[in-house]
Amino acid sequence: MRLPLGTTDFSRTIGGMPDILLQNRYFEADPTNQKDQVGLLSRPCIRMWAQKPTDSPVRLLYSEPGAFSDCLFFISYDQVWRLATDGITWTRIGTIGTGTATVSAAATDSTLFIADGTSLYYYTDDGFARGTLTVSGTISSGETVKIGSTYYKFATDITPGADGSSTTPWLVLIGGTNTDTLQHLFDAIGNTGTPGIDYSLSLTGHTTVTPSSVSATTLVVRAIDTGTGGNSIATTETMANGAWGGTTLSGGGGTTFSTVSTPDSIGIVSVGVIENYTICVCAAGAGKDGRFYWINPGEVTIDPLNFATAERSPDTVHQVAIVGDQIWFPGPNSNEVWYMTGDENVFARVPGRLFDQGIWQGTIVKIKDDVMVTGTDGVVYRILDGTAPQVVSTPGITQRIREAMQRQRNGG
């Protein structure tokens, strides 16, 4: 008597059906088997490639071919490590927030971005030169700041003509507080404020540095270009209660791991990269559900005006996934698909391209031209562009996924 071979694992406790266990084998159609066309091939054995440097739980493994010499990034609890392709050389590059929240990573050709649900970080091994202006007391009218060859002067009257030279510096309005005044200087350097209101009407943005962050006591600027060249950009001032950290910017060309300032300090839960644009999905519950920001190519800062909202359905967005030339924004009730427009709007939603089923966070997998996702109903779907989603999970698999989802909801 010939017994038919099982072609897959099967477990279906409902109905008291017996389990089928397919161990260390996978199914493949076999035309040489003239009886039932079935072949069961042995799985390749798994061998250890590298020993992780810490016993803490693994939160993420990430590698992007072509970026950072194809190395592997490894996040264990709050530690971020880089592993060379030799499987031996580990380098600890920084730390992120503690906890067990889902971590997301994406890389451009020169920068790695990491989101831990609360903060956004970036890493590069060819960093930007930076400088920090620290203020310890009142900023007075007539005091000046020099960056490179450009001069800025704090003033209560910004109407006189100016050109940024040492004799006629750009005029920056003194505000009601140091916070206001430093914000005006921040905006003047990048020309992101209101000319004639915050600073000189004729002002132009700085050509070699860009503002990075600002607070009540500090202003941070960085070179526009990476590399050691930025280390020669001069930083001086004539302030009684303020000083730069050095006479020039520093750190250019070195390794940098730092946080990225986000609009309104909102958390970032997921990142993705397409055409060197970095998509950053906002955390839920902060009044920006469905919103995503993007970082322009070559930048490590978010322009607060660079945002859009996935709003076809009123649910949140918990992830961004890049699928070919499309951008997927899955949520608990729906999934929107966007694309790059090639014009000033940058991104737009694909008309009529909607998967009207919630997607379980972190389950989007691209296999060649197909996309496999697990819906919030526990069903695994195959999605091919231009076709309706196809159910590929058996009732037994769906049941096991639903049980796993329930355990995850309960914190198990």
Protein backbone atom coordinates (compact mmCIF):
# COMPACT_ATOMS: atom_id res chain seq x y z
CA MET A 1 0.00 0.00 0.00
CA ARG A 2 1.33 3.48 -0.88
CA LEU A 3 0.71 6.29 1.62
CA PRO A 4 0.37 9.80 0.14
CA LEU A 5 2.97 12.30 1.34
CA GLY A 6 1.93 15.29 3.37
CA THR A 7 2.75 18.54 1.57
CA THR A 8 2.48 20.99 4.46
CA ASP A 9 2.13 21.30 8.21
CA PHE A 10 -1.49 21.12 9.28
CA SER A 11 -3.05 21.77 12.65
CA ARG A 12 -6.75 22.41 13.17
CA THR A 13 -7.91 21.85 16.72
CA ILE A 14 -11.49 22.76 15.86
CA GLY A 15 -13.22 19.54 14.83
CA GLY A 16 -10.61 17.31 16.50
CA MET A 17 -8.65 16.81 13.27
CA PRO A 18 -5.25 15.07 13.52
CA ASP A 19 -2.09 17.13 13.03
CA ILE A 20 0.22 16.67 10.08
CA LEU A 21 3.84 17.52 10.84
CA LEU A 22 6.22 18.27 7.98
CA GLN A 23 9.61 18.45 9.63
CA ASN A 24 12.80 19.64 7.92
CA ARG A 25 11.17 19.34 4.50
CA TYR A 26 9.44 21.61 2.04
CA PHE A 27 7.05 20.80 -0.78
CA GLU A 28 7.85 21.16 -4.48
CA ALA A 29 6.05 19.85 -7.53
CA ASP A 30 8.01 16.91 -8.98
CA PRO A 31 7.07 15.81 -12.55
CA THR A 32 9.41 12.81 -12.26
CA ASN A 33 7.11 11.34 -9.62
CA GLN A 34 4.62 9.72 -11.97
CA LYS A 35 2.31 8.71 -9.13
CA ASP A 36 1.33 12.01 -7.48
CA GLN A 37 3.80 14.62 -8.81
CA VAL A 38 5.01 15.37 -5.27
CA GLY A 39 8.55 16.01 -4.08
CA LEU A 40 9.66 16.73 -0.51
CA LEU A 41 13.10 18.34 -0.37
CA SER A 42 15.25 18.54 2.74
CA ARG A 43 15.79 21.99 4.19
CA PRO A 44 19.36 23.34 4.32
CA CYS A 45 20.77 23.19 7.80
CA ILE A 46 21.24 26.40 9.76
CA ARG A 47 24.74 27.27 10.91
CA MET A 48 25.88 30.07 13.17
CA TRP A 49 27.33 33.06 11.34
CA ALA A 50 28.01 35.38 14.26
CA GLN A 51 27.66 35.50 18.03
CA LYS A 52 25.77 38.58 19.22
CA PRO A 53 27.68 40.77 21.67
CA THR A 54 24.93 41.08 24.29
CA ASP A 55 22.41 38.82 25.99
CA SER A 56 19.64 41.45 25.85
CA PRO A 57 16.56 40.70 23.71
CA VAL A 58 16.92 41.42 19.99
CA ARG A 59 14.62 44.19 18.77
CA LEU A 60 15.80 44.51 15.16
CA LEU A 61 18.20 43.14 12.57
CA TYR A 62 18.63 45.35 9.50
CA SER A 63 20.83 45.47 6.42
CA GLU A 64 20.48 47.37 3.15
CA PRO A 65 22.49 46.09 0.18
CA GLY A 66 24.77 48.82 -1.12
CA ALA A 67 24.67 50.88 2.08
CA PHE A 68 27.43 50.84 4.70
CA SER A 69 29.37 48.11 2.87
CA ASP A 70 26.44 45.68 3.29
CA CYS A 71 27.00 45.43 7.04
CA LEU A 72 24.34 44.26 9.48
CA PHE A 73 22.84 46.56 12.09
CA PHE A 74 21.75 44.88 15.30
CA ILE A 75 19.58 46.47 18.00
CA SER A 76 19.49 44.76 21.38
CA TYR A 77 17.37 46.52 24.01
CA ASP A 78 18.80 50.07 23.84
CA GLN A 79 22.12 49.27 22.18
CA VAL A 80 22.78 49.73 18.45
CA TRP A 81 25.60 47.66 16.96
CA ARG A 82 27.16 47.38 13.53
CA LEU A 83 28.52 44.04 12.32
CA ALA A 84 30.95 43.87 9.41
CA THR A 85 30.45 41.29 6.68
CA ASP A 86 33.25 39.19 8.18
CA GLY A 87 30.81 38.16 10.93
CA ILE A 88 33.43 39.04 13.54
CA THR A 89 33.89 42.80 13.84
CA TRP A 90 31.26 44.37 16.09
CA THR A 91 31.09 48.14 16.66
CA ARG A 92 28.71 49.76 19.11
CA ILE A 93 27.48 52.95 17.44
CA GLY A 94 24.91 54.38 19.87
CA THR A 95 21.88 53.89 22.07
CA ILE A 96 18.14 54.40 21.59
CA GLY A 97 15.19 54.45 23.96
CA THR A 98 14.83 51.59 26.40
CA GLY A 99 11.92 49.20 26.27
CA THR A 100 10.44 46.62 23.94
CA ALA A 101 8.55 48.86 21.49
CA THR A 102 8.78 47.91 17.83
CA VAL A 103 11.85 49.41 16.17
CA SER A 104 12.05 50.40 12.50
CA ALA A 105 15.10 51.21 10.37
CA ALA A 106 15.79 52.39 6.82
CA ALA A 107 18.94 53.51 5.04
CA THR A 108 19.84 55.90 2.24
CA ASP A 109 23.18 55.56 0.49
CA SER A 110 24.92 57.33 3.39
CA THR A 111 22.58 57.54 6.39
CA LEU A 112 20.77 55.04 8.61
CA PHE A 113 17.54 56.21 10.27
CA ILE A 114 16.07 54.41 13.29
CA ALA A 115 12.65 54.98 14.88
CA ASP A 116 11.76 53.51 18.28
CA GLY A 117 8.21 54.87 18.57
CA THR A 118 9.32 57.86 20.63
CA SER A 119 12.43 59.29 18.96
CA LEU A 120 14.07 59.35 15.55
CA TYR A 121 17.82 58.79 15.23
CA TYR A 122 20.35 58.91 12.42
CA TYR A 123 23.78 57.36 11.93
CA THR A 124 26.45 58.12 9.35
CA ASP A 125 30.13 57.27 9.05
CA ASP A 126 30.83 60.44 7.04
CA GLY A 127 29.26 62.99 9.33
CA PHE A 128 28.43 66.68 9.01
CA ALA A 129 30.57 69.25 10.79
CA ARG A 130 28.56 70.88 13.59
CA GLY A 131 28.67 73.85 15.93
CA THR A 132 26.65 74.84 19.00
CA LEU A 133 25.98 78.38 20.18
CA THR A 134 25.13 78.36 23.91
CA VAL A 135 23.45 81.34 25.56
CA SER A 136 23.57 81.81 29.33
CA GLY A 137 21.94 85.22 29.69
CA THR A 138 20.14 88.03 27.91
CA ILE A 139 20.87 88.61 24.22
CA SER A 140 21.49 92.32 23.64
CA SER A 141 20.95 94.57 20.66
CA GLY A 142 24.10 95.11 18.59
CA GLU A 143 25.70 91.75 19.42
CA THR A 144 26.81 89.76 16.37
CA VAL A 145 27.24 86.15 15.31
CA LYS A 146 29.53 85.11 12.46
CA ILE A 147 29.21 81.78 10.60
CA GLY A 148 31.68 81.30 7.78
CA SER A 149 31.89 84.69 6.11
CA THR A 150 28.31 85.70 6.93
CA TYR A 151 27.44 88.06 9.79
CA TYR A 152 24.18 88.35 11.75
CA LYS A 153 23.39 91.18 14.21
CA PHE A 154 20.64 91.16 16.82
CA ALA A 155 18.50 94.29 16.61
CA THR A 156 15.20 95.82 17.66
CA ASP A 157 14.88 97.53 14.28
CA ILE A 158 15.43 95.31 11.22
CA THR A 159 14.41 97.81 8.54
CA PRO A 160 17.89 99.20 7.61
CA GLY A 161 19.52 97.69 4.52
CA ALA A 162 21.85 94.75 5.04
CA ASP A 163 23.88 92.27 2.98
CA GLY A 164 25.41 89.91 5.56
CA SER A 165 28.86 91.51 5.45
CA SER A 166 30.90 92.61 8.46
CA THR A 167 29.89 96.25 7.89
CA THR A 168 26.17 95.62 7.26
CA PRO A 169 25.26 92.27 8.87
CA TRP A 170 21.91 90.61 8.37
CA LEU A 171 19.58 91.95 11.09
CA VAL A 172 17.83 89.46 13.39
CA LEU A 173 14.91 90.69 15.49
CA ILE A 174 15.28 90.45 19.26
CA GLY A 175 12.17 88.76 20.59
CA GLY A 176 10.44 88.86 23.94
CA THR A 177 12.59 85.98 25.22
CA ASN A 178 15.89 84.34 24.29
CA THR A 179 13.84 81.47 22.92
CA ASP A 180 12.18 83.82 20.45
CA THR A 181 15.46 85.49 19.53
CA LEU A 182 17.32 82.23 18.91
CA GLN A 183 14.38 81.01 16.84
CA HIS A 184 14.67 84.14 14.68
CA LEU A 185 18.40 83.46 14.20
CA PHE A 186 17.62 79.82 13.39
CA ASP A 187 15.11 80.97 10.76
CA ALA A 188 17.50 83.58 9.39
CA ILE A 189 20.28 81.05 8.78
CA GLY A 190 17.92 78.82 6.81
CA ASN A 191 15.70 81.66 5.50
CA THR A 192 12.68 79.76 6.85
CA GLY A 193 11.03 82.63 8.72
CA THR A 194 9.26 85.76 7.53
CA PRO A 195 11.55 88.34 5.87
CA GLY A 196 10.92 91.85 7.18
CA ILE A 197 9.29 90.42 10.32
CA ASP A 198 11.84 88.02 11.82
CA TYR A 199 14.94 89.32 10.04
CA SER A 200 16.14 91.57 7.21
CA LEU A 201 13.76 91.79 4.28
CA SER A 202 16.50 91.12 1.71
CA LEU A 203 18.12 88.22 3.60
CA THR A 204 19.19 85.05 1.76
CA GLY A 205 19.83 81.68 3.36
CA HIS A 206 23.34 80.66 4.38
CA THR A 207 25.22 78.88 1.60
CA THR A 208 27.46 76.54 3.61
CA VAL A 209 25.53 75.69 6.80
CA THR A 210 21.96 74.83 7.73
CA PRO A 211 20.25 75.20 11.12
CA SER A 212 19.83 71.86 12.88
CA SER A 213 18.03 72.51 16.19
CA VAL A 214 17.15 75.33 18.57
CA SER A 215 16.07 75.62 22.20
CA ALA A 216 15.84 78.33 24.87
CA THR A 217 19.61 78.21 25.41
CA THR A 218 21.25 76.62 22.35
CA LEU A 219 21.37 76.86 18.59
CA VAL A 220 22.97 74.04 16.59
CA VAL A 221 24.09 74.41 12.98
CA ARG A 222 25.74 71.93 10.65
CA ALA A 223 27.58 72.06 7.37
CA ILE A 224 25.40 71.48 4.32
CA ASP A 225 27.89 68.97 2.92
CA THR A 226 29.31 65.95 4.72
CA GLY A 227 33.03 65.45 5.17
CA THR A 228 36.00 67.18 6.70
CA GLY A 229 35.57 70.34 4.60
CA GLY A 230 32.98 71.67 7.04
CA ASN A 231 35.51 71.66 9.86
CA SER A 232 37.02 74.88 8.46
CA ILE A 233 33.79 76.92 8.66
CA ALA A 234 34.40 79.71 11.19
CA THR A 235 32.08 80.36 14.14
CA THR A 236 32.63 83.52 16.23
CA GLU A 237 30.48 86.02 18.15
CA THR A 238 30.60 89.24 20.13
CA MET A 239 28.03 88.19 22.74
CA ALA A 240 28.46 88.91 26.44
CA ASN A 241 26.32 85.93 27.44
CA GLY A 242 26.83 83.56 24.53
CA ALA A 243 29.61 81.48 23.01
CA TRP A 244 30.26 78.88 20.33
CA GLY A 245 31.72 75.54 21.34
CA GLY A 246 34.72 76.23 19.11
CA THR A 247 36.12 78.72 16.65
CA THR A 248 35.07 76.47 13.77
CA LEU A 249 32.56 73.69 13.19
CA SER A 250 33.87 70.24 14.08
CA GLY A 251 33.18 66.54 13.63
CA GLY A 252 32.93 66.59 9.85
CA GLY A 253 33.90 63.30 8.20
CA GLY A 254 33.57 61.32 11.42
CA THR A 255 31.02 58.85 12.72
CA THR A 256 27.81 60.45 13.99
CA PHE A 257 24.89 58.94 15.90
CA SER A 258 22.36 61.55 16.96
CA THR A 259 18.66 62.31 17.37
CA VAL A 260 16.58 64.08 14.73
CA SER A 261 14.37 66.92 15.93
CA THR A 262 10.74 66.27 15.00
CA PRO A 263 7.93 68.82 14.62
CA ASP A 264 6.25 69.36 18.00
CA SER A 265 8.56 66.61 19.37
CA ILE A 266 6.18 63.99 17.98
CA GLY A 267 7.24 60.34 18.14
CA ILE A 268 8.14 58.39 14.98
CA VAL A 269 7.02 54.76 14.76
CA SER A 270 8.25 53.69 11.32
CA VAL A 271 10.67 54.81 8.61
CA GLY A 272 11.16 53.87 4.96
CA VAL A 273 13.34 55.13 2.11
CA ILE A 274 12.38 55.66 -1.53
CA GLU A 275 14.58 57.54 -4.02
CA ASN A 276 16.65 58.74 -1.02
CA TYR A 277 13.60 60.41 0.53
CA THR A 278 13.06 59.16 4.10
CA ILE A 279 9.40 58.66 5.07
CA CYS A 280 8.66 59.09 8.80
CA VAL A 281 5.30 57.91 10.20
CA CYS A 282 3.98 59.79 13.24
CA ALA A 283 3.00 58.04 16.46
CA ALA A 284 -0.73 57.73 17.14
CA GLY A 285 -2.55 59.76 19.75
CA ALA A 286 -0.74 63.08 19.29
CA GLY A 287 -3.35 64.74 17.07
CA LYS A 288 -1.54 63.74 13.87
CA ASP A 289 -3.02 60.30 13.15
CA GLY A 290 -2.24 59.22 9.60
CA ARG A 291 0.38 61.93 9.11
CA PHE A 292 3.83 61.27 7.75
CA TYR A 293 6.79 63.60 7.26
CA TRP A 294 9.65 63.17 4.85
CA ILE A 295 13.34 64.07 4.96
CA ASN A 296 14.78 65.33 1.70
CA PRO A 297 17.70 63.47 0.07
CA GLY A 298 21.02 64.22 1.74
CA GLU A 299 19.35 65.81 4.78
CA VAL A 300 19.02 64.66 8.39
CA THR A 301 16.43 67.24 9.47
CA ILE A 302 12.66 67.40 9.00
CA ASP A 303 11.14 70.51 7.47
CA PRO A 304 7.83 70.93 9.41
CA LEU A 305 6.10 71.77 6.11
CA ASN A 306 7.14 68.49 4.47
CA PHE A 307 4.16 66.34 5.46
CA ALA A 308 1.05 64.68 4.11
CA THR A 309 -1.77 62.63 5.62
CA ALA A 310 -3.15 59.23 4.70
CA GLU A 311 -6.81 59.99 5.29
CA ARG A 312 -8.87 57.69 3.09
CA SER A 313 -9.91 55.92 6.29
CA PRO A 314 -10.01 57.57 9.74
CA ASP A 315 -7.69 54.98 11.30
CA THR A 316 -4.07 55.43 12.32
CA VAL A 317 -1.03 54.44 10.27
CA HIS A 318 1.36 52.12 12.09
CA GLN A 319 3.99 51.47 9.43
CA VAL A 320 5.45 52.51 6.09
CA ALA A 321 6.50 49.83 3.62
CA ILE A 322 8.22 50.45 0.29
CA VAL A 323 6.93 48.05 -2.36
CA GLY A 324 8.70 48.65 -5.67
CA ASP A 325 7.89 52.24 -6.61
CA GLN A 326 4.90 52.37 -4.27
CA ILE A 327 4.60 53.48 -0.65
CA TRP A 328 2.22 51.51 1.55
CA PHE A 329 0.69 52.94 4.70
CA PRO A 330 -1.04 50.10 6.55
CA GLY A 331 -3.36 50.71 9.46
CA PRO A 332 -5.69 48.64 11.65
CA ASN A 333 -8.65 49.12 9.28
CA SER A 334 -7.22 49.90 5.84
CA ASN A 335 -4.09 50.25 3.73
CA GLU A 336 -3.37 53.22 1.50
CA VAL A 337 -0.90 53.17 -1.40
CA TRP A 338 1.00 56.31 -2.41
CA TYR A 339 3.59 57.13 -5.07
CA MET A 340 6.15 59.81 -5.93
CA THR A 341 4.64 62.41 -8.24
CA GLY A 342 7.85 63.90 -9.63
CA ASP A 343 6.48 67.41 -9.05
CA GLU A 344 6.37 69.88 -6.17
CA ASN A 345 3.75 67.85 -4.26
CA VAL A 346 6.35 65.02 -4.00
CA PHE A 347 3.86 62.33 -2.85
CA ALA A 348 0.24 61.50 -3.70
CA ARG A 349 -2.20 58.66 -3.14
CA VAL A 350 -2.71 56.15 -5.96
CA PRO A 351 -6.37 56.54 -7.05
CA GLY A 352 -8.40 53.38 -6.58
CA ARG A 353 -5.48 51.45 -5.08
CA LEU A 354 -6.77 50.44 -1.68
CA PHE A 355 -6.69 47.25 0.34
CA ASP A 356 -9.83 47.67 2.44
CA GLN A 357 -8.63 45.38 5.19
CA GLY A 358 -6.50 46.23 8.18
CA ILE A 359 -2.94 44.86 8.13
CA TRP A 360 -1.25 43.49 11.25
CA GLN A 361 1.73 45.65 12.08
CA GLY A 362 5.05 44.48 10.67
CA THR A 363 3.70 41.69 8.45
CA ILE A 364 4.21 43.15 4.97
CA VAL A 365 6.66 40.97 3.02
CA LYS A 366 7.63 41.48 -0.63
CA ILE A 367 8.44 38.32 -2.60
CA LYS A 368 9.48 39.19 -6.17
CA ASP A 369 6.42 40.89 -7.70
CA ASP A 370 4.01 39.71 -4.98
CA VAL A 371 3.22 41.20 -1.61
CA MET A 372 2.25 38.95 1.28
CA VAL A 373 0.42 40.49 4.23
CA THR A 374 -1.41 39.29 7.30
CA GLY A 375 -4.72 41.03 7.81
CA THR A 376 -6.08 41.99 11.19
CA ASP A 377 -8.53 39.11 10.62
CA GLY A 378 -5.62 36.64 10.80
CA VAL A 379 -5.84 35.76 7.12
CA VAL A 380 -2.70 35.79 4.96
CA TYR A 381 -3.25 37.54 1.63
CA ARG A 382 -1.26 37.60 -1.59
CA ILE A 383 -1.50 40.93 -3.38
CA LEU A 384 -0.33 41.35 -6.97
CA ASP A 385 -0.47 44.80 -8.51
CA GLY A 386 -3.72 45.29 -10.42
CA THR A 387 -5.43 42.19 -9.03
CA ALA A 388 -7.75 41.54 -6.11
CA PRO A 389 -6.12 40.17 -2.92
CA GLN A 390 -6.01 36.37 -2.81
CA VAL A 391 -6.36 34.35 0.39
CA VAL A 392 -3.40 31.97 0.72
CA SER A 393 -3.67 30.78 4.34
CA THR A 394 -5.57 27.64 5.25
CA PRO A 395 -8.19 27.72 8.02
CA GLY A 396 -5.70 25.99 10.31
CA ILE A 397 -2.99 28.60 9.70
CA THR A 398 -5.51 31.41 10.14
CA GLN A 399 -6.60 29.96 13.46
CA ARG A 400 -3.02 29.77 14.73
CA ILE A 401 -2.33 33.35 13.63
CA ARG A 402 -5.45 34.59 15.39
CA GLU A 403 -4.38 32.83 18.58
CA ALA A 404 -0.92 34.45 18.30
CA MET A 405 -2.55 37.86 17.75
CA GLN A 406 -4.63 37.44 20.87
CA ARG A 407 -1.56 36.53 22.91
CA GLN A 408 0.21 39.63 21.55
CA ARG A 409 -2.77 41.82 22.48
CA ASN A 410 -2.63 40.37 25.99
CA GLY A 411 1.08 41.09 26.22
CA GLY A 412 2.16 37.48 25.79
